[in-house]
């Protein structure tokens, strides 16, 4: 019985695994395991080194417990670069899973040393920093990838294919939400990861807009690559006063160049909500809606016809919806599968065979540009601003 089309089946995509390292992502980090889950799935990366923690002893102990040799568990990213560039079998690509304020300096140092980079988002604090790093990466012939978690999910590719093939008609409305309630209380006793996220010196100019809003914005760019934002209004607030001037709740309205309208809502004080990441794209003929909580299903509604639930891995999906499916229709695809696709795409780019799309330096820059415009609007009292 055929239950799907082509899909990822574990065949090696590279002649050998890339020698991979990490800065950050240690025992107390919130995202380190996600990176390792993605990188180590397909035989495209081998974890050989790391500077896993600002607490060097804790980082060394952690690194050894995930299989890294003791002498390649470093006290700092500077020590990692110095030692690894002196080795014939030194690291080739490093993931940066550290607080936002360190991304720029670490990425610049790694690229300057001839090492590819995979970085958390938001990439940097300013578009100017992004432009400088993009120029350095071009000069060195190196890749900078960015980890936008769910954008590797096959149903995201399915939505993009449906829009590109005109199945929805001209896009009119975009509605996106990423909310949870895990910061509904104050930050008393907060984890290390939460503490830096609400510190403007370490987080940058935003909290939830940068932390989770950029996921929404980049995914919408994948589905709607032909639309460009013309103007934007951002209303943000800190319901927990100690977080000001950063926000724990925000709404962004956007106008696109074809006349379409968008609403984006992000919040970490949506009390009781576990994780509502939802996207709805409405065209003149039909709409699609996807929820990360039910990632295998895509709601497809054609005006005047019964609603349909499309399931991942099924033959009726577009070819693009099958290409990076991993589990097949009988089994659930999730966040780990999406991360594995993102890491696979970046590995292919490093090997000189980039896929048609992947979260690259331009994607990271676009996210920072969006944040700059959101901040500009919010600081003007929630005014409409021309997108710059």
Protein backbone atom coordinates (compact mmCIF):
# COMPACT_ATOMS: atom_id res chain seq x y z
CA UNK A 1 0.00 0.00 0.00
CA UNK A 2 1.40 3.37 -0.97
CA UNK A 3 0.99 5.88 1.85
CA UNK A 4 3.16 8.72 0.60
CA UNK A 5 5.70 9.96 -1.90
CA UNK A 6 9.42 10.44 -1.68
CA UNK A 7 10.75 11.11 1.81
CA UNK A 8 13.89 11.15 3.93
CA UNK A 9 14.96 7.54 4.47
CA UNK A 10 18.33 7.74 6.21
CA UNK A 11 20.61 7.51 3.19
CA UNK A 12 23.79 9.52 3.75
CA UNK A 13 23.65 12.94 2.14
CA UNK A 14 27.35 13.83 2.54
CA UNK A 15 30.49 11.86 1.78
CA UNK A 16 31.45 12.14 5.45
CA UNK A 17 30.05 13.86 8.54
CA UNK A 18 31.03 17.46 9.19
CA UNK A 19 33.19 18.00 12.25
CA UNK A 20 30.80 19.97 14.45
CA UNK A 21 31.10 21.90 17.69
CA UNK A 22 28.93 23.97 19.99
CA UNK A 23 29.30 27.21 21.91
CA UNK A 24 26.67 27.15 24.64
CA UNK A 25 23.93 24.55 24.68
CA UNK A 26 25.13 22.88 27.86
CA UNK A 27 23.35 21.36 30.82
CA UNK A 28 21.35 24.43 31.82
CA UNK A 29 20.59 25.69 28.31
CA UNK A 30 17.07 25.51 26.92
CA UNK A 31 17.97 24.84 23.29
CA UNK A 32 21.15 22.75 23.28
CA UNK A 33 19.39 19.40 23.07
CA UNK A 34 17.23 20.65 20.19
CA UNK A 35 20.41 21.45 18.27
CA UNK A 36 21.90 18.03 18.98
CA UNK A 37 18.61 16.30 18.13
CA UNK A 38 18.65 17.99 14.74
CA UNK A 39 22.34 17.72 13.95
CA UNK A 40 22.91 14.08 14.85
CA UNK A 41 19.97 12.51 13.03
CA UNK A 42 21.30 11.95 9.51
CA UNK A 43 24.99 11.21 9.84
CA UNK A 44 25.85 14.68 8.51
CA UNK A 45 27.50 15.98 11.71
CA UNK A 46 29.83 14.53 14.34
CA UNK A 47 30.10 16.43 17.64
CA UNK A 48 33.84 16.78 18.23
CA UNK A 49 34.23 19.79 20.52
CA UNK A 50 32.49 22.50 22.49
CA UNK A 51 32.63 25.39 24.91
CA UNK A 52 29.32 24.38 26.41
CA UNK A 53 28.98 26.65 29.44
CA UNK A 54 30.23 29.87 31.02
CA UNK A 55 30.97 27.66 34.03
CA UNK A 56 33.99 25.88 32.55
CA UNK A 57 33.96 22.92 34.93
CA UNK A 58 30.26 22.32 34.42
CA UNK A 59 30.70 22.65 30.66
CA UNK A 60 33.60 20.19 30.62
CA UNK A 61 31.68 17.64 32.65
CA UNK A 62 28.66 18.03 30.38
CA UNK A 63 30.72 17.75 27.19
CA UNK A 64 32.32 14.51 28.32
CA UNK A 65 28.88 13.12 29.19
CA UNK A 66 27.69 13.72 25.64
CA UNK A 67 30.74 11.98 24.21
CA UNK A 68 33.25 14.77 23.57
CA UNK A 69 36.88 14.09 24.49
CA UNK A 70 37.98 15.96 27.62
CA UNK A 71 40.77 17.85 25.82
CA UNK A 72 38.22 19.21 23.33
CA UNK A 73 35.86 20.57 26.00
CA UNK A 74 37.02 24.17 26.17
CA UNK A 75 36.66 26.94 28.75
CA UNK A 76 35.67 29.57 26.17
CA UNK A 77 34.90 30.03 22.51
CA UNK A 78 38.27 31.80 22.14
CA UNK A 79 40.06 28.70 23.46
CA UNK A 80 38.01 26.51 21.13
CA UNK A 81 38.97 28.56 18.09
CA UNK A 82 42.66 28.67 19.01
CA UNK A 83 42.94 24.94 19.62
CA UNK A 84 40.71 23.69 16.82
CA UNK A 85 42.29 25.82 14.08
CA UNK A 86 45.67 24.35 15.06
CA UNK A 87 44.45 20.78 14.48
CA UNK A 88 44.52 18.97 11.15
CA UNK A 89 41.14 17.50 12.10
CA UNK A 90 39.76 20.72 13.58
CA UNK A 91 36.11 21.67 13.78
CA UNK A 92 34.42 22.77 10.53
CA UNK A 93 31.12 24.19 11.72
CA UNK A 94 30.02 25.49 15.13
CA UNK A 95 26.52 26.11 16.50
CA UNK A 96 26.09 29.21 18.64
CA UNK A 97 23.45 28.58 21.33
CA UNK A 98 24.25 31.44 23.69
CA UNK A 99 22.44 34.60 24.88
CA UNK A 100 21.57 37.10 22.14
CA UNK A 101 24.18 39.71 23.04
CA UNK A 102 27.03 37.26 22.32
CA UNK A 103 25.90 36.11 18.86
CA UNK A 104 27.65 38.84 16.89
CA UNK A 105 31.08 38.59 18.53
CA UNK A 106 31.15 34.78 18.51
CA UNK A 107 29.92 34.50 14.92
CA UNK A 108 32.46 37.08 13.75
CA UNK A 109 35.30 35.29 15.53
CA UNK A 110 34.34 31.90 14.10
CA UNK A 111 33.99 33.19 10.54
CA UNK A 112 37.29 35.06 10.81
CA UNK A 113 38.90 31.75 11.76
CA UNK A 114 37.41 30.01 8.72
CA UNK A 115 34.63 28.12 10.53
CA UNK A 116 31.03 27.87 9.32
CA UNK A 117 28.35 29.02 11.79
CA UNK A 118 24.86 27.91 12.76
CA UNK A 119 23.33 30.52 15.08
CA UNK A 120 20.28 30.90 17.27
CA UNK A 121 17.79 33.68 16.55
CA UNK A 122 17.43 36.59 16.64
CA UNK A 123 20.74 36.62 14.84
CA UNK A 124 22.16 39.97 16.01
CA UNK A 125 20.98 43.30 17.45
CA UNK A 126 21.00 45.36 14.23
CA UNK A 127 20.79 45.09 10.46
CA UNK A 128 24.14 46.88 10.31
CA UNK A 129 25.72 43.99 12.24
CA UNK A 130 24.00 41.53 9.91
CA UNK A 131 25.32 43.31 6.82
CA UNK A 132 28.86 43.28 8.24
CA UNK A 133 28.72 39.56 9.01
CA UNK A 134 27.16 38.78 5.63
CA UNK A 135 30.06 40.53 3.91
CA UNK A 136 32.57 38.63 6.05
CA UNK A 137 30.89 35.29 5.26
CA UNK A 138 30.99 36.07 1.53
CA UNK A 139 34.65 37.07 1.74
CA UNK A 140 35.51 33.83 3.52
CA UNK A 141 33.23 31.64 1.41
CA UNK A 142 31.43 30.40 4.53
CA UNK A 143 27.85 29.58 5.46
CA UNK A 144 25.82 31.16 8.25
CA UNK A 145 22.66 29.22 9.07
CA UNK A 146 19.88 30.18 11.50
CA UNK A 147 17.69 27.80 13.50
CA UNK A 148 14.01 28.64 13.00
CA UNK A 149 12.56 25.50 14.60
CA UNK A 150 9.33 24.46 12.85
CA UNK A 151 10.24 25.83 9.42
CA UNK A 152 11.66 22.45 8.41
CA UNK A 153 8.29 20.72 8.88
CA UNK A 154 6.93 19.13 5.68
CA UNK A 155 3.50 20.72 6.14
CA UNK A 156 5.12 24.16 5.96
CA UNK A 157 6.49 23.16 2.55
CA UNK A 158 2.98 21.94 1.67
CA UNK A 159 1.46 25.34 2.50
CA UNK A 160 4.12 27.13 0.46
CA UNK A 161 3.43 24.86 -2.52
CA UNK A 162 -0.33 25.45 -2.31
CA UNK A 163 0.18 29.22 -2.32
CA UNK A 164 2.70 29.09 -5.18
CA UNK A 165 0.37 26.96 -7.31
CA UNK A 166 -2.56 29.34 -6.84
CA UNK A 167 -4.69 26.92 -4.83
CA UNK A 168 -5.68 29.70 -2.41
CA UNK A 169 -5.93 32.52 -4.92
CA UNK A 170 -4.40 35.90 -4.21
CA UNK A 171 -3.50 36.17 -0.54
CA UNK A 172 -5.64 38.62 1.41
CA UNK A 173 -5.29 37.83 5.11
CA UNK A 174 -2.49 36.43 7.28
CA UNK A 175 -3.17 35.59 10.94
CA UNK A 176 -0.39 34.25 13.19
CA UNK A 177 -0.11 33.47 16.89
CA UNK A 178 2.66 32.16 19.13
CA UNK A 179 1.67 32.37 22.79
CA UNK A 180 2.23 30.51 26.04
CA UNK A 181 1.75 31.21 29.75
CA UNK A 182 5.08 30.15 31.21
CA UNK A 183 6.05 33.74 32.13
CA UNK A 184 2.65 34.76 33.49
CA UNK A 185 4.18 35.16 36.97
CA UNK A 186 7.09 37.38 37.90
CA UNK A 187 10.73 36.37 37.46
CA UNK A 188 11.45 35.52 41.09
CA UNK A 189 13.61 32.39 41.07
CA UNK A 190 13.72 32.40 37.25
CA UNK A 191 16.16 30.13 35.42
CA UNK A 192 19.42 31.47 34.02
CA UNK A 193 17.92 31.31 30.53
CA UNK A 194 14.90 33.40 31.55
CA UNK A 195 17.01 35.95 33.42
CA UNK A 196 19.03 36.96 30.37
CA UNK A 197 15.96 37.01 28.14
CA UNK A 198 14.42 39.86 30.17
CA UNK A 199 17.65 41.85 30.51
CA UNK A 200 17.87 44.47 27.71
CA UNK A 201 21.68 44.44 27.88
CA UNK A 202 21.75 40.74 27.05
CA UNK A 203 18.49 40.17 25.15
CA UNK A 204 18.50 43.24 22.93
CA UNK A 205 15.54 45.53 22.30
CA UNK A 206 12.84 42.87 22.63
CA UNK A 207 11.77 39.84 24.66
CA UNK A 208 8.90 37.85 23.09
CA UNK A 209 9.09 39.59 19.70
CA UNK A 210 12.66 38.38 19.25
CA UNK A 211 12.33 35.13 21.16
CA UNK A 212 9.20 33.75 19.50
CA UNK A 213 7.83 36.40 17.12
CA UNK A 214 10.66 35.95 14.65
CA UNK A 215 9.60 32.31 14.22
CA UNK A 216 6.21 33.49 12.97
CA UNK A 217 7.68 36.11 10.68
CA UNK A 218 10.20 33.78 9.01
CA UNK A 219 7.67 30.98 8.51
CA UNK A 220 5.34 33.47 6.82
CA UNK A 221 8.18 34.44 4.48
CA UNK A 222 8.58 30.80 3.47
CA UNK A 223 4.88 30.47 2.66
CA UNK A 224 4.57 33.95 1.09
CA UNK A 225 7.97 34.70 -0.50
CA UNK A 226 6.33 36.91 -3.14
CA UNK A 227 4.83 39.35 -0.61
CA UNK A 228 6.74 42.22 0.94
CA UNK A 229 5.80 44.26 4.01
CA UNK A 230 5.06 47.91 3.19
CA UNK A 231 4.09 49.22 6.63
CA UNK A 232 3.81 47.94 10.17
CA UNK A 233 2.28 48.83 13.54
CA UNK A 234 3.56 47.27 16.77
CA UNK A 235 1.80 47.56 20.12
CA UNK A 236 3.72 45.98 22.98
CA UNK A 237 3.62 45.98 26.76
CA UNK A 238 5.18 44.36 29.82
CA UNK A 239 2.46 42.98 32.07
CA UNK A 240 5.24 42.11 34.52
CA UNK A 241 6.63 45.62 35.19
CA UNK A 242 10.16 44.45 35.95
CA UNK A 243 10.50 43.37 32.31
CA UNK A 244 10.01 46.87 30.93
CA UNK A 245 11.16 48.29 28.59
CA UNK A 246 11.07 44.81 27.05
CA UNK A 247 7.68 43.27 26.28
CA UNK A 248 6.05 40.03 27.36
CA UNK A 249 3.05 40.61 25.09
CA UNK A 250 2.77 42.24 21.65
CA UNK A 251 0.48 42.59 18.65
CA UNK A 252 1.83 43.53 15.22
CA UNK A 253 -0.29 44.60 12.26
CA UNK A 254 1.25 44.56 8.78
CA UNK A 255 0.29 45.72 5.29
CA UNK A 256 1.77 43.86 2.31
CA UNK A 257 2.54 45.22 -1.13
CA UNK A 258 -0.40 43.38 -2.74
CA UNK A 259 -2.88 44.93 -0.29
CA UNK A 260 -3.01 41.91 2.06
CA UNK A 261 -3.33 42.48 5.80
CA UNK A 262 -1.62 40.55 8.60
CA UNK A 263 -2.05 40.22 12.35
CA UNK A 264 0.66 38.68 14.53
CA UNK A 265 0.20 38.04 18.26
CA UNK A 266 3.00 36.92 20.59
CA UNK A 267 2.80 36.53 24.35
CA UNK A 268 4.46 34.65 27.18
CA UNK A 269 1.75 35.66 29.67
CA UNK A 270 -1.15 33.80 28.00
CA UNK A 271 -1.97 32.09 31.29
CA UNK A 272 -2.85 28.41 30.95
CA UNK A 273 -1.75 28.19 27.33
CA UNK A 274 0.91 25.53 26.78
CA UNK A 275 2.11 26.54 23.32
CA UNK A 276 -0.20 28.03 20.72
CA UNK A 277 1.75 28.40 17.48
CA UNK A 278 -0.83 28.89 14.75
CA UNK A 279 -0.78 30.15 11.15
CA UNK A 280 -3.70 30.94 8.87
CA UNK A 281 -3.24 32.10 5.28
CA UNK A 282 -6.42 33.27 3.53
CA UNK A 283 -6.71 33.79 -0.20
CA UNK A 284 -9.49 34.85 -2.55
CA UNK A 285 -10.51 31.21 -3.14
CA UNK A 286 -9.44 29.22 -0.09
CA UNK A 287 -7.44 29.17 3.13
CA UNK A 288 -4.99 26.92 4.95
CA UNK A 289 -4.39 26.74 8.69
CA UNK A 290 -1.63 24.92 10.57
CA UNK A 291 -1.09 24.44 14.31
CA UNK A 292 2.23 23.32 15.78
CA UNK A 293 0.23 21.46 18.46
CA UNK A 294 -1.25 19.31 15.66
CA UNK A 295 1.63 19.41 13.19
CA UNK A 296 0.54 16.44 11.07
CA UNK A 297 -2.69 18.13 10.01
CA UNK A 298 -3.37 21.02 7.67
CA UNK A 299 -6.87 22.54 7.54
CA UNK A 300 -7.77 23.32 3.92
CA UNK A 301 -10.98 25.26 3.38
CA UNK A 302 -12.24 26.11 -0.11
CA UNK A 303 -15.07 28.63 -0.22
CA UNK A 304 -18.40 26.82 -0.74
CA UNK A 305 -16.96 23.33 -0.14
CA UNK A 306 -16.65 21.12 2.95
CA UNK A 307 -13.53 21.67 5.08
CA UNK A 308 -10.74 19.14 4.57
CA UNK A 309 -8.03 17.90 6.89
CA UNK A 310 -4.87 17.11 4.95
CA UNK A 311 -2.49 14.70 6.68
CA UNK A 312 1.27 14.63 6.25
CA UNK A 313 2.79 11.86 4.16
CA UNK A 314 -0.34 11.18 2.09
CA UNK A 315 -0.24 10.81 -1.72
CA UNK A 316 -2.70 13.67 -2.28
CA UNK A 317 -0.18 16.23 -1.01
CA UNK A 318 1.96 18.28 -3.36
CA UNK A 319 5.39 16.87 -4.21
CA UNK A 320 7.02 19.58 -2.09
CA UNK A 321 5.11 18.33 0.95
CA UNK A 322 6.76 14.91 0.63
CA UNK A 323 10.38 15.80 -0.04
CA UNK A 324 11.40 16.24 3.60
CA UNK A 325 8.84 14.00 5.27
CA UNK A 326 10.58 11.56 7.62
CA UNK A 327 8.06 9.42 9.46
CA UNK A 328 5.46 8.58 6.82
CA UNK A 329 1.71 9.03 7.12
CA UNK A 330 1.21 6.47 9.88
CA UNK A 331 3.51 8.26 12.35
CA UNK A 332 3.83 11.72 13.83
CA UNK A 333 6.27 14.34 12.53
CA UNK A 334 7.42 16.79 15.20
CA UNK A 335 9.82 19.52 16.21
CA UNK A 336 12.84 17.18 16.25
CA UNK A 337 12.15 16.13 12.66
CA UNK A 338 11.92 19.76 11.61
CA UNK A 339 15.24 20.60 13.30
CA UNK A 340 16.82 17.61 11.57
CA UNK A 341 15.73 19.00 8.20
CA UNK A 342 17.14 22.45 9.00
CA UNK A 343 20.49 20.94 10.01
CA UNK A 344 20.48 18.74 6.91
CA UNK A 345 19.85 21.72 4.64
CA UNK A 346 22.68 23.70 6.23
CA UNK A 347 25.03 20.71 5.89
CA UNK A 348 24.13 20.47 2.19
CA UNK A 349 24.87 24.19 1.80
CA UNK A 350 28.26 23.78 3.49
CA UNK A 351 29.00 20.86 1.18
CA UNK A 352 28.27 23.08 -1.83
CA UNK A 353 24.87 21.67 -2.70
CA UNK A 354 22.37 24.04 -1.05
CA UNK A 355 18.65 23.25 -1.22
CA UNK A 356 16.26 25.68 -2.87
CA UNK A 357 15.61 27.31 0.49
CA UNK A 358 17.04 27.11 3.98
CA UNK A 359 17.35 29.56 6.90
CA UNK A 360 20.50 31.37 5.84
CA UNK A 361 22.17 34.69 6.60
CA UNK A 362 19.53 36.55 4.58
CA UNK A 363 16.78 34.91 6.64
CA UNK A 364 18.49 35.97 9.85
CA UNK A 365 18.89 39.52 8.56
CA UNK A 366 15.22 39.67 7.60
CA UNK A 367 14.25 38.75 11.15
CA UNK A 368 16.45 41.48 12.63
CA UNK A 369 15.03 44.01 10.15
CA UNK A 370 11.51 43.07 11.23
CA UNK A 371 12.43 43.55 14.90
CA UNK A 372 13.99 46.96 14.20
CA UNK A 373 10.75 48.08 12.55
CA UNK A 374 8.64 46.69 15.42
CA UNK A 375 10.75 48.59 17.98
CA UNK A 376 10.57 51.80 15.93
CA UNK A 377 6.77 51.57 15.77
CA UNK A 378 6.37 50.69 19.46
CA UNK A 379 8.65 53.51 20.59
CA UNK A 380 6.55 55.92 18.52
CA UNK A 381 3.53 54.94 20.61
CA UNK A 382 2.29 52.13 18.42
CA UNK A 383 2.31 54.20 15.23
CA UNK A 384 2.26 52.95 11.67
CA UNK A 385 5.76 53.09 10.15
CA UNK A 386 6.91 52.55 6.60
CA UNK A 387 8.90 49.34 6.48
CA UNK A 388 12.59 50.11 6.15
